[in-house]
């Protein structure tokens, strides 16, 4: 008997799947099996895909031929198996197939990359750019030129989509940057503006690509999920920083966005209710203790003899405010007591804020990403100290807090890899 709906009427029977729908689903199933095997270093044969998927060998063979014809799969040379008979031919994702184009707008840089269907970066470009307070149209024009040059550098790859990482609150579906305080942006239609800039830059084929924008912290967290190598842990908090402080919450292998899509604003969690005022209008926010300006102020911005000094001080020699993460890391490695004290203070504030998240959502791990990953040697001890003191009603181990291996590459990789993962999950639109 069918269950009644909320109106009390019997629920309608679900429509049976058409042959076309079933074939499209099976194409995705086969491609995902090959992708999983390739990621584990064991590219599967047709027979192994059939055994793992539950499809017949004949069905798998037909689907594989369709995927090869669409440029999504490729056959590897037969490898000797030691068994009698013809060796099975292993399958892999085609490195010449559809590619993901990624873009990143930073406060002090622009970046672009092109990844192949396996998620491997084939082209990577990052250029310094002082975008703080610049008109959005000028920033997007520079980014369009960078994207055009990036795509031209790998003529054998065909971009199938574009992902854009932005340091602010972004409507992922609309591509509207609602607020990016460190850029000085408010209600900027980033995706539409970038399409226009690409057309003006002579790249109409890139302007026509499916495109999405998302918060850089979200994309960094997704890159960590897909590429970070955490043994399949599907529940973690990913914390990152460039100019601001953000977080991505990964729950059951998915990005948790919240009711309105703005979850993860860790930088505006208060760590001292009566602390200094923040640009957001509140007081004592984490960014006032662990953000760029706070760390630099606590470390001192004056140059040492013969050096350009920390960004924000006279003579910062890298253009604009400079690469503050690298310069702070260099000073800390040299044993500068003021810099180390500033990082200890930042780590204490981070530990205080993260302890609340750990107690609230019980993640399997906390990952320090973005620029923070390069400062982990000096941030992690204070964070561990604070977490040990504040996470007391549930199990906690220092091993569950670690620095990301992706570092500042995360948001851009997340933007580009998201494109090719969508293809692997639903290859039907690229076949036939």
Protein backbone atom coordinates (compact mmCIF):
# COMPACT_ATOMS: atom_id res chain seq x y z
CA UNK A 1 0.00 0.00 0.00
CA UNK A 2 1.31 3.44 -0.90
CA UNK A 3 2.00 5.85 1.97
CA UNK A 4 -0.27 8.93 2.04
CA UNK A 5 1.15 12.36 1.39
CA UNK A 6 0.78 15.34 3.74
CA UNK A 7 -2.59 16.05 2.08
CA UNK A 8 -3.81 12.53 2.93
CA UNK A 9 -3.89 11.36 -0.69
CA UNK A 10 -1.87 8.33 -1.80
CA UNK A 11 1.54 9.29 -3.12
CA UNK A 12 2.01 8.95 -6.85
CA UNK A 13 4.11 6.02 -8.01
CA UNK A 14 7.56 7.09 -9.20
CA UNK A 15 7.83 7.01 -12.96
CA UNK A 16 9.94 4.10 -14.22
CA UNK A 17 13.37 5.12 -15.45
CA UNK A 18 13.66 5.30 -19.21
CA UNK A 19 16.34 3.33 -21.04
CA UNK A 20 18.10 6.60 -21.79
CA UNK A 21 18.09 7.60 -18.12
CA UNK A 22 19.36 4.19 -17.04
CA UNK A 23 22.14 4.26 -19.62
CA UNK A 24 23.19 7.72 -18.47
CA UNK A 25 23.30 6.51 -14.86
CA UNK A 26 25.33 3.48 -15.88
CA UNK A 27 27.79 5.61 -17.81
CA UNK A 28 28.41 7.54 -14.61
CA UNK A 29 28.73 4.32 -12.62
CA UNK A 30 31.39 2.94 -14.98
CA UNK A 31 33.33 6.19 -15.13
CA UNK A 32 33.29 6.51 -11.33
CA UNK A 33 34.58 2.95 -10.94
CA UNK A 34 37.48 3.70 -13.29
CA UNK A 35 38.21 6.99 -11.54
CA UNK A 36 38.25 5.30 -8.12
CA UNK A 37 40.62 2.59 -9.34
CA UNK A 38 42.93 5.07 -11.00
CA UNK A 39 43.02 7.19 -7.83
CA UNK A 40 44.07 4.10 -5.83
CA UNK A 41 46.86 3.36 -8.32
CA UNK A 42 45.11 0.27 -9.69
CA UNK A 43 43.41 1.08 -13.02
CA UNK A 44 40.69 -1.56 -13.48
CA UNK A 45 39.91 -3.78 -16.45
CA UNK A 46 36.45 -4.13 -17.98
CA UNK A 47 35.94 -7.36 -16.04
CA UNK A 48 36.86 -5.67 -12.77
CA UNK A 49 34.48 -2.78 -13.48
CA UNK A 50 31.71 -5.30 -14.18
CA UNK A 51 32.39 -7.17 -10.93
CA UNK A 52 32.48 -3.96 -8.86
CA UNK A 53 29.42 -2.35 -10.47
CA UNK A 54 27.14 -5.37 -10.79
CA UNK A 55 26.68 -4.74 -14.53
CA UNK A 56 27.19 -7.49 -17.08
CA UNK A 57 30.48 -7.64 -18.97
CA UNK A 58 28.65 -6.99 -22.23
CA UNK A 59 26.99 -3.88 -20.81
CA UNK A 60 30.28 -2.60 -19.40
CA UNK A 61 32.04 -3.18 -22.72
CA UNK A 62 29.37 -1.19 -24.58
CA UNK A 63 29.49 1.67 -22.04
CA UNK A 64 33.29 1.74 -22.09
CA UNK A 65 33.32 2.07 -25.88
CA UNK A 66 30.92 5.00 -25.64
CA UNK A 67 33.08 6.69 -22.99
CA UNK A 68 36.23 6.13 -25.05
CA UNK A 69 34.51 7.62 -28.09
CA UNK A 70 33.58 10.70 -26.04
CA UNK A 71 37.20 11.20 -24.95
CA UNK A 72 36.47 10.38 -21.31
CA UNK A 73 38.24 7.02 -21.01
CA UNK A 74 41.47 5.66 -22.44
CA UNK A 75 42.96 2.18 -22.58
CA UNK A 76 46.37 1.47 -21.11
CA UNK A 77 48.77 -1.00 -22.75
CA UNK A 78 48.10 -4.60 -21.60
CA UNK A 79 50.16 -5.61 -18.59
CA UNK A 80 51.28 -9.24 -18.12
CA UNK A 81 49.19 -10.92 -15.43
CA UNK A 82 51.04 -14.23 -15.06
CA UNK A 83 47.85 -16.07 -15.98
CA UNK A 84 47.04 -18.11 -19.07
CA UNK A 85 45.06 -16.26 -21.70
CA UNK A 86 44.82 -12.77 -23.05
CA UNK A 87 45.69 -10.14 -20.42
CA UNK A 88 42.97 -7.66 -19.52
CA UNK A 89 43.32 -4.10 -20.74
CA UNK A 90 43.28 -1.55 -17.95
CA UNK A 91 41.18 1.59 -18.21
CA UNK A 92 41.97 5.10 -17.08
CA UNK A 93 40.52 8.58 -17.36
CA UNK A 94 41.63 10.18 -20.61
CA UNK A 95 44.24 12.89 -19.86
CA UNK A 96 43.29 14.55 -23.16
CA UNK A 97 39.60 14.72 -22.34
CA UNK A 98 37.47 17.54 -20.92
CA UNK A 99 39.35 19.81 -18.51
CA UNK A 100 38.44 22.01 -15.57
CA UNK A 101 39.38 25.68 -15.68
CA UNK A 102 39.85 27.33 -12.30
CA UNK A 103 40.22 31.00 -11.34
CA UNK A 104 41.00 32.71 -8.06
CA UNK A 105 40.57 36.33 -7.02
CA UNK A 106 42.77 37.13 -4.05
CA UNK A 107 43.27 40.41 -2.28
CA UNK A 108 46.88 40.49 -3.46
CA UNK A 109 46.93 38.05 -6.38
CA UNK A 110 45.06 36.52 -9.30
CA UNK A 111 45.47 32.89 -10.30
CA UNK A 112 44.26 30.41 -12.88
CA UNK A 113 44.83 26.74 -13.57
CA UNK A 114 43.73 23.99 -15.92
CA UNK A 115 43.31 20.44 -14.62
CA UNK A 116 42.73 17.33 -16.69
CA UNK A 117 40.03 14.74 -16.11
CA UNK A 118 42.24 13.01 -13.53
CA UNK A 119 42.42 16.23 -11.49
CA UNK A 120 46.09 16.80 -12.31
CA UNK A 121 47.12 20.42 -12.85
CA UNK A 122 48.50 20.86 -16.37
CA UNK A 123 48.83 24.66 -16.32
CA UNK A 124 49.23 26.86 -13.25
CA UNK A 125 49.56 30.65 -13.23
CA UNK A 126 49.62 33.02 -10.24
CA UNK A 127 50.43 36.71 -10.56
CA UNK A 128 50.67 39.45 -7.90
CA UNK A 129 47.85 41.98 -8.08
CA UNK A 130 46.83 44.56 -5.49
CA UNK A 131 43.05 44.13 -5.73
CA UNK A 132 42.12 45.79 -2.46
CA UNK A 133 39.68 48.57 -3.33
CA UNK A 134 40.09 48.20 -7.12
CA UNK A 135 36.97 48.48 -9.29
CA UNK A 136 35.54 44.98 -9.85
CA UNK A 137 35.50 45.51 -13.62
CA UNK A 138 39.26 46.10 -13.68
CA UNK A 139 39.95 43.01 -11.57
CA UNK A 140 37.72 40.83 -13.77
CA UNK A 141 39.36 42.19 -16.93
CA UNK A 142 42.79 41.16 -15.63
CA UNK A 143 41.44 37.76 -14.61
CA UNK A 144 39.91 37.24 -18.06
CA UNK A 145 43.27 37.91 -19.71
CA UNK A 146 44.93 35.44 -17.33
CA UNK A 147 42.32 32.77 -18.07
CA UNK A 148 42.72 33.22 -21.80
CA UNK A 149 46.51 32.80 -21.51
CA UNK A 150 46.08 29.75 -19.27
CA UNK A 151 43.72 27.98 -21.67
CA UNK A 152 46.01 28.77 -24.63
CA UNK A 153 48.98 27.16 -22.87
CA UNK A 154 47.42 23.68 -23.18
CA UNK A 155 45.84 23.55 -26.65
CA UNK A 156 45.29 19.78 -26.40
CA UNK A 157 42.83 20.19 -23.53
CA UNK A 158 39.28 21.45 -23.92
CA UNK A 159 37.89 23.35 -20.92
CA UNK A 160 34.44 22.07 -20.03
CA UNK A 161 33.60 24.51 -17.24
CA UNK A 162 34.92 27.33 -15.08
CA UNK A 163 35.08 27.63 -11.30
CA UNK A 164 35.94 30.90 -9.55
CA UNK A 165 37.19 31.25 -5.96
CA UNK A 166 36.40 34.55 -4.24
CA UNK A 167 37.29 35.78 -0.71
CA UNK A 168 33.78 36.69 0.36
CA UNK A 169 30.14 35.70 0.73
CA UNK A 170 29.01 34.29 -2.61
CA UNK A 171 25.69 33.08 -3.92
CA UNK A 172 27.00 29.87 -5.49
CA UNK A 173 24.02 29.52 -7.85
CA UNK A 174 23.81 33.18 -8.89
CA UNK A 175 27.53 33.97 -8.98
CA UNK A 176 26.78 37.15 -7.03
CA UNK A 177 29.47 38.26 -4.56
CA UNK A 178 27.28 39.66 -1.83
CA UNK A 179 30.12 40.94 0.30
CA UNK A 180 33.90 40.71 0.07
CA UNK A 181 35.09 43.13 2.75
CA UNK A 182 38.80 42.74 2.06
CA UNK A 183 38.25 43.55 -1.62
CA UNK A 184 35.73 46.29 -0.90
CA UNK A 185 33.07 44.52 -3.02
CA UNK A 186 29.35 44.47 -2.37
CA UNK A 187 26.69 42.83 -4.60
CA UNK A 188 29.08 42.27 -7.51
CA UNK A 189 27.81 39.88 -10.25
CA UNK A 190 31.19 38.17 -10.56
CA UNK A 191 30.25 35.40 -12.99
CA UNK A 192 28.28 37.66 -15.35
CA UNK A 193 31.03 40.28 -15.18
CA UNK A 194 33.71 37.70 -15.92
CA UNK A 195 31.76 36.42 -18.93
CA UNK A 196 31.62 39.95 -20.33
CA UNK A 197 35.32 40.45 -19.65
CA UNK A 198 36.17 37.18 -21.43
CA UNK A 199 34.21 38.25 -24.50
CA UNK A 200 36.04 41.58 -24.53
CA UNK A 201 39.33 39.72 -24.13
CA UNK A 202 38.65 37.75 -27.31
CA UNK A 203 37.76 34.47 -25.56
CA UNK A 204 34.06 33.91 -26.38
CA UNK A 205 34.51 30.14 -26.09
CA UNK A 206 35.51 30.57 -22.44
CA UNK A 207 32.68 33.04 -21.83
CA UNK A 208 30.22 30.36 -22.99
CA UNK A 209 31.41 27.74 -20.49
CA UNK A 210 29.23 26.70 -17.55
CA UNK A 211 30.59 28.79 -14.68
CA UNK A 212 30.16 29.02 -10.91
CA UNK A 213 31.70 31.19 -8.20
CA UNK A 214 32.13 30.14 -4.59
CA UNK A 215 33.79 31.23 -1.39
CA UNK A 216 37.51 30.41 -1.36
CA UNK A 217 37.29 28.65 2.02
CA UNK A 218 34.53 26.37 0.73
CA UNK A 219 36.59 25.43 -2.33
CA UNK A 220 39.67 24.88 -0.18
CA UNK A 221 37.66 22.50 2.00
CA UNK A 222 36.36 20.61 -1.03
CA UNK A 223 39.89 20.30 -2.43
CA UNK A 224 40.94 18.87 0.92
CA UNK A 225 38.10 16.34 0.75
CA UNK A 226 38.98 15.29 -2.80
CA UNK A 227 42.77 15.53 -2.80
CA UNK A 228 43.99 15.89 0.78
CA UNK A 229 44.54 12.19 1.45
CA UNK A 230 42.89 11.93 4.86
CA UNK A 231 42.01 8.27 4.58
CA UNK A 232 38.45 8.92 3.47
CA UNK A 233 37.50 10.97 6.54
CA UNK A 234 34.23 12.60 5.53
CA UNK A 235 33.72 14.85 8.56
CA UNK A 236 36.22 17.63 9.21
CA UNK A 237 36.62 21.36 9.68
CA UNK A 238 38.99 23.05 7.24
CA UNK A 239 40.36 26.43 8.38
CA UNK A 240 42.16 28.74 5.98
CA UNK A 241 43.50 32.27 5.79
CA UNK A 242 44.88 34.77 3.36
CA UNK A 243 43.67 38.26 4.22
CA UNK A 244 40.67 36.99 6.18
CA UNK A 245 39.88 33.82 8.11
CA UNK A 246 37.38 31.29 6.80
CA UNK A 247 36.30 27.72 7.37
CA UNK A 248 34.60 24.94 5.46
CA UNK A 249 32.50 22.34 7.25
CA UNK A 250 32.56 18.92 5.59
CA UNK A 251 29.80 16.69 6.94
CA UNK A 252 29.29 13.13 5.68
CA UNK A 253 31.49 13.85 2.69
CA UNK A 254 29.59 16.97 1.65
CA UNK A 255 30.10 20.69 2.09
CA UNK A 256 27.69 22.07 4.68
CA UNK A 257 26.54 25.49 3.46
CA UNK A 258 23.88 26.39 6.02
CA UNK A 259 20.34 27.62 5.43
CA UNK A 260 21.37 30.60 3.29
CA UNK A 261 24.72 29.35 2.01
CA UNK A 262 26.95 31.38 4.31
CA UNK A 263 28.19 28.79 6.83
CA UNK A 264 31.86 28.86 7.77
CA UNK A 265 32.47 32.49 8.72
CA UNK A 266 34.88 31.46 11.46
CA UNK A 267 36.76 34.75 11.23
CA UNK A 268 33.79 36.52 12.80
CA UNK A 269 33.31 34.15 15.71
CA UNK A 270 34.02 36.22 18.86
CA UNK A 271 36.94 35.07 20.98
CA UNK A 272 36.89 38.14 23.26
CA UNK A 273 33.43 39.76 23.64
CA UNK A 274 35.00 43.09 24.66
CA UNK A 275 37.89 42.87 22.20
CA UNK A 276 38.82 45.35 19.48
CA UNK A 277 36.21 46.40 16.90
CA UNK A 278 36.08 44.43 13.67
CA UNK A 279 35.29 45.68 10.16
CA UNK A 280 32.12 43.57 10.27
CA UNK A 281 30.74 45.82 13.03
CA UNK A 282 31.16 43.41 15.95
CA UNK A 283 33.94 43.26 18.56
CA UNK A 284 36.57 40.69 19.46
CA UNK A 285 36.25 38.61 16.28
CA UNK A 286 38.85 35.92 15.55
CA UNK A 287 40.22 37.99 12.65
CA UNK A 288 41.27 40.65 15.16
CA UNK A 289 43.67 38.12 16.69
CA UNK A 290 44.56 35.68 13.90
CA UNK A 291 44.00 37.64 10.69
CA UNK A 292 46.65 39.29 8.52
CA UNK A 293 46.49 42.75 10.05
CA UNK A 294 46.45 41.42 13.61
CA UNK A 295 49.45 39.14 13.13
CA UNK A 296 51.46 41.87 11.42
CA UNK A 297 50.60 44.43 14.08
CA UNK A 298 51.59 42.04 16.86
CA UNK A 299 54.78 41.01 15.05
CA UNK A 300 55.90 44.56 14.23
CA UNK A 301 56.16 45.80 10.66
CA UNK A 302 59.60 47.41 10.71
CA UNK A 303 62.25 45.96 8.37
CA UNK A 304 65.42 44.38 9.63
CA UNK A 305 68.76 45.54 8.29
CA UNK A 306 69.24 44.60 4.66
CA UNK A 307 65.67 43.27 4.23
CA UNK A 308 62.40 44.56 2.86
CA UNK A 309 60.63 43.91 6.14
CA UNK A 310 57.18 42.59 6.79
CA UNK A 311 54.38 43.74 4.50
CA UNK A 312 52.81 46.97 5.60
CA UNK A 313 56.17 48.32 6.75
CA UNK A 314 58.45 50.60 4.77
CA UNK A 315 60.24 48.91 1.91
CA UNK A 316 58.20 45.73 1.61
CA UNK A 317 59.95 44.44 -1.45
CA UNK A 318 57.38 42.18 -3.07
CA UNK A 319 54.97 44.80 -4.42
CA UNK A 320 51.82 46.04 -2.70
CA UNK A 321 51.52 44.61 0.80
CA UNK A 322 53.62 41.63 -0.24
CA UNK A 323 53.31 37.94 0.57
CA UNK A 324 52.77 38.30 4.29
CA UNK A 325 52.46 34.55 4.91
CA UNK A 326 55.88 33.78 3.39
CA UNK A 327 57.57 36.71 5.10
CA UNK A 328 56.11 35.89 8.51
CA UNK A 329 57.14 32.23 8.06
CA UNK A 330 60.69 33.30 7.16
CA UNK A 331 60.92 35.52 10.25
CA UNK A 332 59.53 32.78 12.49
CA UNK A 333 62.01 30.25 11.09
CA UNK A 334 64.79 32.73 11.86
CA UNK A 335 63.65 32.80 15.49
CA UNK A 336 62.26 36.35 15.54
CA UNK A 337 60.72 36.53 19.05
CA UNK A 338 58.07 39.13 18.15
CA UNK A 339 56.86 37.11 15.18
CA UNK A 340 56.78 33.87 17.18
CA UNK A 341 54.86 35.57 19.98
CA UNK A 342 52.37 36.95 17.43
CA UNK A 343 51.84 33.47 15.97
CA UNK A 344 51.42 31.96 19.43
CA UNK A 345 48.75 34.59 20.15
CA UNK A 346 47.06 33.81 16.84
CA UNK A 347 47.18 30.07 17.52
CA UNK A 348 45.61 30.59 20.95
CA UNK A 349 42.74 32.55 19.39
CA UNK A 350 42.31 29.93 16.66
CA UNK A 351 42.22 27.15 19.24
CA UNK A 352 39.58 29.01 21.24
CA UNK A 353 37.33 29.46 18.19
CA UNK A 354 37.87 25.96 16.84
CA UNK A 355 37.13 24.37 20.23
CA UNK A 356 33.58 25.69 19.94
CA UNK A 357 33.21 24.10 16.50
CA UNK A 358 34.64 20.81 17.74
CA UNK A 359 32.27 20.69 20.71
CA UNK A 360 29.33 21.60 18.49
CA UNK A 361 29.72 19.28 15.48
CA UNK A 362 32.20 16.57 16.62
CA UNK A 363 34.39 16.43 13.48
CA UNK A 364 36.83 13.59 12.84
CA UNK A 365 39.61 16.10 12.18
CA UNK A 366 40.50 19.78 12.02
CA UNK A 367 42.69 20.75 9.07
CA UNK A 368 44.74 23.92 8.94
CA UNK A 369 44.80 25.01 5.29
CA UNK A 370 45.43 28.00 3.06
CA UNK A 371 48.18 30.30 4.27
CA UNK A 372 47.84 28.88 7.77
CA UNK A 373 49.29 25.57 6.55
CA UNK A 374 52.63 27.30 5.94
CA UNK A 375 52.55 28.68 9.49
CA UNK A 376 51.47 25.41 11.09
CA UNK A 377 54.79 24.81 12.84
CA UNK A 378 54.13 27.86 15.04
CA UNK A 379 50.31 27.89 15.15
CA UNK A 380 49.62 24.24 15.94
CA UNK A 381 51.25 24.06 19.42
CA UNK A 382 49.07 26.88 20.80
CA UNK A 383 45.99 25.46 19.07
CA UNK A 384 46.60 22.02 20.57
CA UNK A 385 47.09 23.55 23.99
CA UNK A 386 43.80 25.44 23.75
CA UNK A 387 41.86 22.50 22.34
CA UNK A 388 43.12 20.20 25.09
CA UNK A 389 41.89 22.68 27.69
CA UNK A 390 38.49 23.37 26.08
CA UNK A 391 37.43 20.06 24.49
CA UNK A 392 36.87 18.10 27.67
CA UNK A 393 33.47 16.43 27.40
CA UNK A 394 34.28 14.27 24.37
CA UNK A 395 37.37 12.42 23.09
CA UNK A 396 40.05 14.57 21.51
CA UNK A 397 43.54 13.72 20.26
CA UNK A 398 46.30 16.02 19.09
CA UNK A 399 46.58 13.78 16.00
CA UNK A 400 43.19 15.02 14.83
CA UNK A 401 44.61 18.51 14.20
CA UNK A 402 46.97 18.76 11.22
CA UNK A 403 48.23 21.09 8.50
CA UNK A 404 47.07 20.55 4.92
CA UNK A 405 49.49 19.37 2.26
CA UNK A 406 47.63 21.51 -0.29
CA UNK A 407 48.28 24.82 1.46
CA UNK A 408 47.42 27.86 -0.60
CA UNK A 409 46.77 25.78 -3.71
CA UNK A 410 43.52 24.49 -2.21
CA UNK A 411 40.93 27.07 -3.34
CA UNK A 412 42.14 27.17 -6.94
CA UNK A 413 42.36 23.37 -7.12
CA UNK A 414 38.87 23.12 -5.64
CA UNK A 415 37.51 25.49 -8.28
CA UNK A 416 39.01 23.54 -11.18
CA UNK A 417 38.64 19.98 -9.88
CA UNK A 418 34.96 20.62 -9.12
CA UNK A 419 34.40 20.92 -12.88
CA UNK A 420 35.90 17.54 -13.76
CA UNK A 421 34.27 15.80 -10.80
CA UNK A 422 30.89 16.91 -12.13
CA UNK A 423 31.79 15.30 -15.46
CA UNK A 424 32.79 12.04 -13.80
CA UNK A 425 29.54 11.96 -11.82
CA UNK A 426 27.37 12.65 -14.88
CA UNK A 427 29.20 12.01 -18.17
CA UNK A 428 26.01 11.68 -20.15
CA UNK A 429 26.14 15.26 -21.45
CA UNK A 430 29.56 14.59 -23.00
CA UNK A 431 28.69 11.35 -24.80
CA UNK A 432 26.86 10.66 -28.03
